[in-house]
N, C-alpha and C. Protein backbone atom coordinates (compact mmCIF):
# COMPACT_ATOMS: atom_id res chain seq x y z
N UNK A 1 55.79 -3.05 7.07
CA UNK A 1 55.65 -2.12 5.96
C UNK A 1 54.62 -1.07 6.35
N UNK A 2 54.96 0.16 6.05
CA UNK A 2 54.03 1.27 6.28
C UNK A 2 53.66 1.83 4.91
N UNK A 3 52.37 1.83 4.62
CA UNK A 3 51.87 2.29 3.34
C UNK A 3 51.29 3.69 3.45
N UNK A 4 51.53 4.54 2.44
CA UNK A 4 50.83 5.82 2.41
C UNK A 4 49.32 5.56 2.31
N UNK A 5 48.55 6.34 3.03
CA UNK A 5 47.09 6.17 3.03
C UNK A 5 46.40 7.53 3.09
N UNK A 6 46.45 8.30 2.00
CA UNK A 6 45.81 9.61 2.01
C UNK A 6 44.33 9.55 2.40
N UNK A 7 43.63 8.49 1.99
CA UNK A 7 42.25 8.26 2.42
C UNK A 7 42.30 7.14 3.45
N UNK A 8 42.59 7.50 4.69
CA UNK A 8 42.83 6.51 5.74
C UNK A 8 41.62 5.61 5.96
N UNK A 9 40.42 6.18 5.96
CA UNK A 9 39.22 5.38 6.19
C UNK A 9 39.05 4.30 5.12
N UNK A 10 39.25 4.68 3.88
CA UNK A 10 39.11 3.70 2.78
C UNK A 10 40.20 2.63 2.86
N UNK A 11 41.42 3.05 3.13
CA UNK A 11 42.52 2.08 3.23
C UNK A 11 42.30 1.13 4.40
N UNK A 12 41.85 1.67 5.52
CA UNK A 12 41.59 0.83 6.70
C UNK A 12 40.50 -0.20 6.38
N UNK A 13 39.43 0.24 5.74
CA UNK A 13 38.34 -0.68 5.38
C UNK A 13 38.84 -1.76 4.44
N UNK A 14 39.64 -1.38 3.46
CA UNK A 14 40.15 -2.35 2.48
C UNK A 14 41.03 -3.38 3.14
N UNK A 15 42.01 -2.94 3.96
CA UNK A 15 42.91 -3.89 4.62
C UNK A 15 42.20 -4.73 5.68
N UNK A 16 41.20 -4.16 6.36
CA UNK A 16 40.42 -4.93 7.33
C UNK A 16 39.71 -6.09 6.62
N UNK A 17 39.13 -5.80 5.49
CA UNK A 17 38.46 -6.84 4.70
C UNK A 17 39.47 -7.85 4.16
N UNK A 18 40.56 -7.37 3.62
CA UNK A 18 41.58 -8.24 3.06
C UNK A 18 42.15 -9.19 4.11
N UNK A 19 42.50 -8.64 5.27
CA UNK A 19 43.15 -9.42 6.32
C UNK A 19 42.17 -10.16 7.23
N UNK A 20 40.89 -9.80 7.12
CA UNK A 20 39.85 -10.40 7.97
C UNK A 20 40.15 -10.22 9.46
N UNK A 21 40.67 -9.04 9.81
CA UNK A 21 40.95 -8.70 11.20
C UNK A 21 40.92 -7.19 11.38
N UNK A 22 40.58 -6.77 12.57
CA UNK A 22 40.58 -5.35 12.90
C UNK A 22 42.01 -4.90 13.23
N UNK A 23 42.32 -3.63 13.04
CA UNK A 23 43.64 -3.15 13.42
C UNK A 23 43.82 -3.20 14.94
N UNK A 24 45.07 -3.40 15.37
CA UNK A 24 45.36 -3.38 16.81
C UNK A 24 45.58 -1.95 17.29
N UNK A 25 45.88 -1.04 16.34
CA UNK A 25 46.11 0.38 16.66
C UNK A 25 45.32 1.18 15.64
N UNK A 26 44.45 2.06 16.11
CA UNK A 26 43.55 2.78 15.21
C UNK A 26 43.38 4.22 15.69
N UNK A 27 44.16 5.12 15.07
CA UNK A 27 44.12 6.53 15.40
C UNK A 27 44.00 7.33 14.10
N UNK A 28 43.58 8.59 14.17
CA UNK A 28 43.45 9.38 12.95
C UNK A 28 44.78 9.61 12.22
N UNK A 29 45.91 9.42 12.90
CA UNK A 29 47.21 9.65 12.30
C UNK A 29 47.94 8.37 11.90
N UNK A 30 47.36 7.18 12.24
CA UNK A 30 48.03 5.92 11.93
C UNK A 30 47.10 4.76 12.27
N UNK A 31 47.10 3.76 11.42
CA UNK A 31 46.37 2.51 11.68
C UNK A 31 47.37 1.37 11.51
N UNK A 32 47.42 0.48 12.51
CA UNK A 32 48.37 -0.63 12.46
C UNK A 32 47.69 -1.97 12.60
N UNK A 33 48.12 -2.91 11.76
CA UNK A 33 47.64 -4.29 11.80
C UNK A 33 48.80 -5.20 12.18
N UNK A 34 48.51 -6.23 12.95
CA UNK A 34 49.47 -7.28 13.26
C UNK A 34 49.20 -8.40 12.27
N UNK A 35 50.13 -8.61 11.36
CA UNK A 35 49.97 -9.63 10.33
C UNK A 35 51.03 -10.71 10.59
N UNK A 36 50.64 -11.69 11.35
CA UNK A 36 51.56 -12.78 11.67
C UNK A 36 52.81 -12.32 12.40
N UNK A 37 52.68 -11.31 13.25
CA UNK A 37 53.83 -10.79 13.97
C UNK A 37 54.58 -9.69 13.24
N UNK A 38 54.09 -9.28 12.09
CA UNK A 38 54.69 -8.20 11.33
C UNK A 38 53.74 -7.01 11.29
N UNK A 39 54.30 -5.84 11.22
CA UNK A 39 53.52 -4.60 11.17
C UNK A 39 53.10 -4.29 9.74
N UNK A 40 51.82 -4.05 9.55
CA UNK A 40 51.31 -3.48 8.32
C UNK A 40 50.62 -2.20 8.75
N UNK A 41 51.21 -1.07 8.38
CA UNK A 41 50.69 0.21 8.84
C UNK A 41 50.18 1.07 7.71
N UNK A 42 49.28 1.97 8.07
CA UNK A 42 48.71 2.93 7.13
C UNK A 42 48.95 4.32 7.71
N UNK A 43 49.62 5.17 6.93
CA UNK A 43 49.98 6.51 7.40
C UNK A 43 49.41 7.55 6.46
N UNK A 44 48.43 8.34 6.93
CA UNK A 44 47.81 9.34 6.05
C UNK A 44 48.71 10.53 5.76
N UNK A 45 49.82 10.69 6.48
CA UNK A 45 50.70 11.84 6.25
C UNK A 45 51.70 11.60 5.12
N UNK A 46 51.80 10.36 4.64
CA UNK A 46 52.74 10.06 3.56
C UNK A 46 52.08 10.25 2.20
N UNK A 47 52.79 10.84 1.25
CA UNK A 47 52.21 11.02 -0.08
C UNK A 47 52.04 9.67 -0.78
N UNK A 48 50.95 9.52 -1.50
CA UNK A 48 50.60 8.25 -2.15
C UNK A 48 51.69 7.75 -3.08
N UNK A 49 52.35 8.62 -3.79
CA UNK A 49 53.36 8.21 -4.76
C UNK A 49 54.67 7.76 -4.15
N UNK A 50 54.82 7.94 -2.85
CA UNK A 50 56.09 7.60 -2.21
C UNK A 50 56.31 6.10 -2.09
N UNK A 51 55.25 5.33 -2.02
CA UNK A 51 55.38 3.89 -1.86
C UNK A 51 55.57 3.52 -0.40
N UNK A 52 55.55 2.22 -0.11
CA UNK A 52 55.65 1.77 1.27
C UNK A 52 57.07 1.91 1.82
N UNK A 53 57.17 1.96 3.14
CA UNK A 53 58.46 2.00 3.84
C UNK A 53 58.56 0.76 4.71
N UNK A 54 59.67 0.07 4.61
CA UNK A 54 59.94 -1.06 5.48
C UNK A 54 60.58 -0.55 6.76
N UNK A 55 60.11 -1.06 7.89
CA UNK A 55 60.67 -0.69 9.19
C UNK A 55 61.31 -1.91 9.83
N UNK A 56 62.51 -1.72 10.38
CA UNK A 56 63.18 -2.76 11.14
C UNK A 56 62.81 -2.61 12.59
N UNK A 57 62.40 -3.69 13.22
CA UNK A 57 62.08 -3.67 14.64
C UNK A 57 63.35 -3.57 15.47
N UNK A 58 63.38 -2.64 16.40
CA UNK A 58 64.53 -2.44 17.28
C UNK A 58 64.04 -2.30 18.72
N UNK A 59 64.91 -2.58 19.66
CA UNK A 59 64.57 -2.44 21.07
C UNK A 59 64.55 -0.98 21.50
N UNK A 60 65.34 -0.13 20.83
CA UNK A 60 65.43 1.28 21.18
C UNK A 60 65.58 2.09 19.90
N UNK A 61 64.59 2.89 19.58
CA UNK A 61 64.59 3.66 18.33
C UNK A 61 65.71 4.68 18.27
N UNK A 62 66.04 5.31 19.41
CA UNK A 62 67.13 6.29 19.41
C UNK A 62 68.47 5.64 19.05
N UNK A 63 68.74 4.48 19.65
CA UNK A 63 69.99 3.78 19.35
C UNK A 63 69.99 3.25 17.92
N UNK A 64 68.83 2.76 17.46
CA UNK A 64 68.73 2.28 16.09
C UNK A 64 69.00 3.38 15.08
N UNK A 65 68.42 4.55 15.31
CA UNK A 65 68.65 5.68 14.42
C UNK A 65 70.11 6.12 14.47
N UNK A 66 70.68 6.19 15.66
CA UNK A 66 72.09 6.59 15.79
C UNK A 66 73.00 5.64 15.01
N UNK A 67 72.72 4.35 15.07
CA UNK A 67 73.52 3.36 14.33
C UNK A 67 73.42 3.60 12.82
N UNK A 68 72.21 3.86 12.35
CA UNK A 68 72.03 4.13 10.92
C UNK A 68 72.78 5.39 10.49
N UNK A 69 72.73 6.41 11.31
CA UNK A 69 73.45 7.66 10.99
C UNK A 69 74.95 7.44 11.00
N UNK A 70 75.44 6.63 11.92
CA UNK A 70 76.87 6.29 11.96
C UNK A 70 77.31 5.58 10.68
N UNK A 71 76.39 4.89 10.05
CA UNK A 71 76.70 4.14 8.82
C UNK A 71 76.44 4.95 7.56
N UNK A 72 76.14 6.24 7.71
CA UNK A 72 76.01 7.12 6.55
C UNK A 72 74.61 7.47 6.11
N UNK A 73 73.59 6.99 6.82
CA UNK A 73 72.22 7.35 6.46
C UNK A 73 71.94 8.80 6.87
N UNK A 74 70.93 9.39 6.27
CA UNK A 74 70.49 10.73 6.66
C UNK A 74 69.04 10.67 7.12
N UNK A 75 68.70 11.53 8.03
CA UNK A 75 67.36 11.53 8.63
C UNK A 75 66.33 12.10 7.67
N UNK A 76 65.26 11.36 7.50
CA UNK A 76 64.06 11.87 6.82
C UNK A 76 63.10 12.38 7.88
N UNK A 77 62.86 11.55 8.89
CA UNK A 77 62.06 11.99 10.04
C UNK A 77 62.71 11.41 11.30
N UNK A 78 62.94 12.26 12.29
CA UNK A 78 63.60 11.81 13.52
C UNK A 78 62.67 10.90 14.33
N UNK A 79 63.21 10.35 15.39
CA UNK A 79 62.41 9.48 16.26
C UNK A 79 61.22 10.28 16.78
N UNK A 80 60.06 9.70 16.65
CA UNK A 80 58.85 10.32 17.18
C UNK A 80 57.95 9.27 17.77
N UNK A 81 57.29 9.63 18.84
CA UNK A 81 56.33 8.75 19.49
C UNK A 81 55.01 8.89 18.75
N UNK A 82 54.51 7.78 18.21
CA UNK A 82 53.26 7.82 17.45
C UNK A 82 52.09 7.28 18.27
N UNK A 83 52.31 7.10 19.55
CA UNK A 83 51.24 6.66 20.44
C UNK A 83 51.46 5.27 20.99
N UNK A 84 50.97 5.07 22.20
CA UNK A 84 51.01 3.77 22.87
C UNK A 84 52.42 3.18 22.95
N UNK A 85 53.42 4.05 23.09
CA UNK A 85 54.79 3.59 23.25
C UNK A 85 55.49 3.20 21.97
N UNK A 86 54.86 3.41 20.84
CA UNK A 86 55.46 3.06 19.55
C UNK A 86 56.26 4.27 19.07
N UNK A 87 57.53 4.03 18.75
CA UNK A 87 58.43 5.11 18.33
C UNK A 87 59.06 4.73 17.00
N UNK A 88 59.07 5.66 16.06
CA UNK A 88 59.57 5.39 14.71
C UNK A 88 60.49 6.50 14.23
N UNK A 89 61.34 6.16 13.28
CA UNK A 89 62.18 7.12 12.58
C UNK A 89 62.40 6.60 11.16
N UNK A 90 62.61 7.52 10.21
CA UNK A 90 62.88 7.12 8.82
C UNK A 90 64.18 7.76 8.35
N UNK A 91 64.90 7.01 7.52
CA UNK A 91 66.17 7.49 6.98
C UNK A 91 66.26 7.22 5.48
N UNK A 92 67.25 7.89 4.87
CA UNK A 92 67.62 7.59 3.50
C UNK A 92 69.04 7.05 3.55
N UNK A 93 69.27 5.92 2.89
CA UNK A 93 70.60 5.32 2.87
C UNK A 93 71.49 6.09 1.90
N UNK A 94 72.81 5.88 1.94
CA UNK A 94 73.69 6.54 0.99
C UNK A 94 73.32 6.24 -0.47
N UNK A 95 72.67 5.08 -0.71
CA UNK A 95 72.25 4.71 -2.07
C UNK A 95 70.88 5.26 -2.44
N UNK A 96 70.23 5.98 -1.53
CA UNK A 96 68.95 6.59 -1.83
C UNK A 96 67.72 5.79 -1.45
N UNK A 97 67.90 4.67 -0.76
CA UNK A 97 66.76 3.88 -0.31
C UNK A 97 66.17 4.49 0.96
N UNK A 98 64.89 4.30 1.15
CA UNK A 98 64.22 4.77 2.35
C UNK A 98 63.78 3.58 3.18
N UNK A 99 64.09 3.62 4.46
CA UNK A 99 63.54 2.66 5.39
C UNK A 99 63.59 3.26 6.78
N UNK A 100 63.08 2.54 7.75
CA UNK A 100 63.02 3.09 9.09
C UNK A 100 63.24 2.07 10.16
N UNK A 101 63.21 2.57 11.39
CA UNK A 101 63.26 1.72 12.58
C UNK A 101 61.98 1.94 13.37
N UNK A 102 61.53 0.88 14.03
CA UNK A 102 60.33 0.96 14.85
C UNK A 102 60.58 0.26 16.18
N UNK A 103 60.32 0.97 17.24
CA UNK A 103 60.33 0.43 18.60
C UNK A 103 58.88 0.25 18.98
N UNK A 104 58.43 -0.98 19.05
CA UNK A 104 57.01 -1.25 19.25
C UNK A 104 56.84 -2.25 20.40
N UNK A 105 56.29 -1.81 21.53
CA UNK A 105 56.13 -2.72 22.66
C UNK A 105 55.16 -3.87 22.39
N UNK A 106 54.39 -3.78 21.31
CA UNK A 106 53.48 -4.87 20.95
C UNK A 106 54.20 -6.04 20.31
N UNK A 107 55.43 -5.81 19.84
CA UNK A 107 56.25 -6.83 19.20
C UNK A 107 57.58 -6.89 19.92
N UNK A 108 58.14 -8.05 20.04
CA UNK A 108 59.45 -8.23 20.67
C UNK A 108 60.54 -8.17 19.62
N UNK A 109 61.46 -7.20 19.76
CA UNK A 109 62.61 -7.12 18.85
C UNK A 109 63.53 -8.29 19.13
N UNK A 110 64.12 -8.83 18.08
CA UNK A 110 65.02 -9.97 18.23
C UNK A 110 66.43 -9.56 17.95
């Protein structure tokens, strides 16, 4: 799950205390925590009212996005490298749901 974090420093401090662990990825544009093998991310570029986005782990973000588009999804944000080999994209489903794909070398896609 990627949560909007307009105040990234405050959100990072809160989740660090809550989870009792430091983030594994900590940049001004994104903070990521490994929570039992799942991604909990904080993104300061997302508006607070948008709510969290669930990301599906994939071996290749380009192929994952192409598959979603073949099934009728539309691109919200294309595949982008967010650092350290992590690549993400977000889509809207035909029913209006938002979710994304994440290619993350820190986690093994199954």
